[in-house]
Amino acid sequence: MKKLMVWIALALFGLACSEKETSKGTIKLYLTDAPVDAENIESVFISIKEIQLKKDGNWVTAANFDLPIQLDILSYQNGQTYFVTEQEIPTGKYTEARMILSDGSSNLQGLSDLSYILYNDGRTDLLDVPSGTSSGYKAKGEFELNAGGVVGVTLDFDVRKSIVQAGASNKLILKPVVRIVANQNASSINGTFDKGTISNKIVIYTYRKGEYRSTESNANADGLRFTNAVNSTCINEDGSFTLAFLEAGEYDLIFTTVNEQGSFESIIGIYSLALQSNNILNISLNESDLL
């Protein structure tokens, strides 16, 4: 009888281990973007072959395409998203993602499997994607997937910080700045700003409380400014704006003006606020509300 009980116990233990090893949940994967500052850019196309997620030091494929999917990332801003895929993947804690881009070898015609910029006048510039076609571009952030559960995850792409110009060659290089956001925890800010006599374009940069420094407005080696901002947005002609896919916490909103080429001109002021998890905060501001 003892042997029988031991055998049953071992069998149940093995079954439990097997179920643990093979337990899965469902991920719904999305892409979104923050606006670019320059008004002469109409579209930024990226061509994706594969998206992988990292768990326990190993990469898990979440999306793999026979032919690359090409999308204009600028079409998905202010809380709008592009639905990539829905897949079953192993459960656990995921801490990183990477996007592997097309190298243009898919035998598709023209620019349809490449990454490039389209300008308002119809001109195009190819984007060089060093390492993006092999090791891929990585994104930081984390989410938990439970057995039988469903989790929505958005890769928040910041084009403004992702395109840099090489010095001597003037080649445009794509260095994607991407973060992972678990949708169930994400919050957003819907606001209006009375521009008063301000005629220039206004861009808002979102910083975690205490992380903004006045030196952020200085250009770095790649010519980029406000590089430590969590995300950013442009104020619309009617004064409305949206800052989406933010985690709970305290933030400083840095209001700035830029010219038509998207070059920084001045700081208007700073507005501080707190966000709760999975919440929409509505605010209405004018220049006198800013510090």
Foldseek 3Di string as FASTA:
>chain_A
DVVVVVVVVVVVVVVVVVCLVPFKEKEWEKEAEADALAQFFDFWKFWFAFKWWDFPRDTDTPDGDPATAIDGRNVGYQPRIGTGDMDIDRFFKTWKMFTAADPPPSPDDDCRRFIWIATPVGDIAGAAEVCSNPVGAMAGDMDGGDGHYYWYKYWYWYQNPFWFADDPVRHIYGRIHIYIFTLQFKEKEKEFEDADPDDFKKKKFKDAPPPDDPCQLPADPRGHGVVRTPGMHTQDPRRIGMDIRDGWHKIKIWIFGAHNRSRTDGTLFIAIDTDGTPYYHYYYYYSVRGD
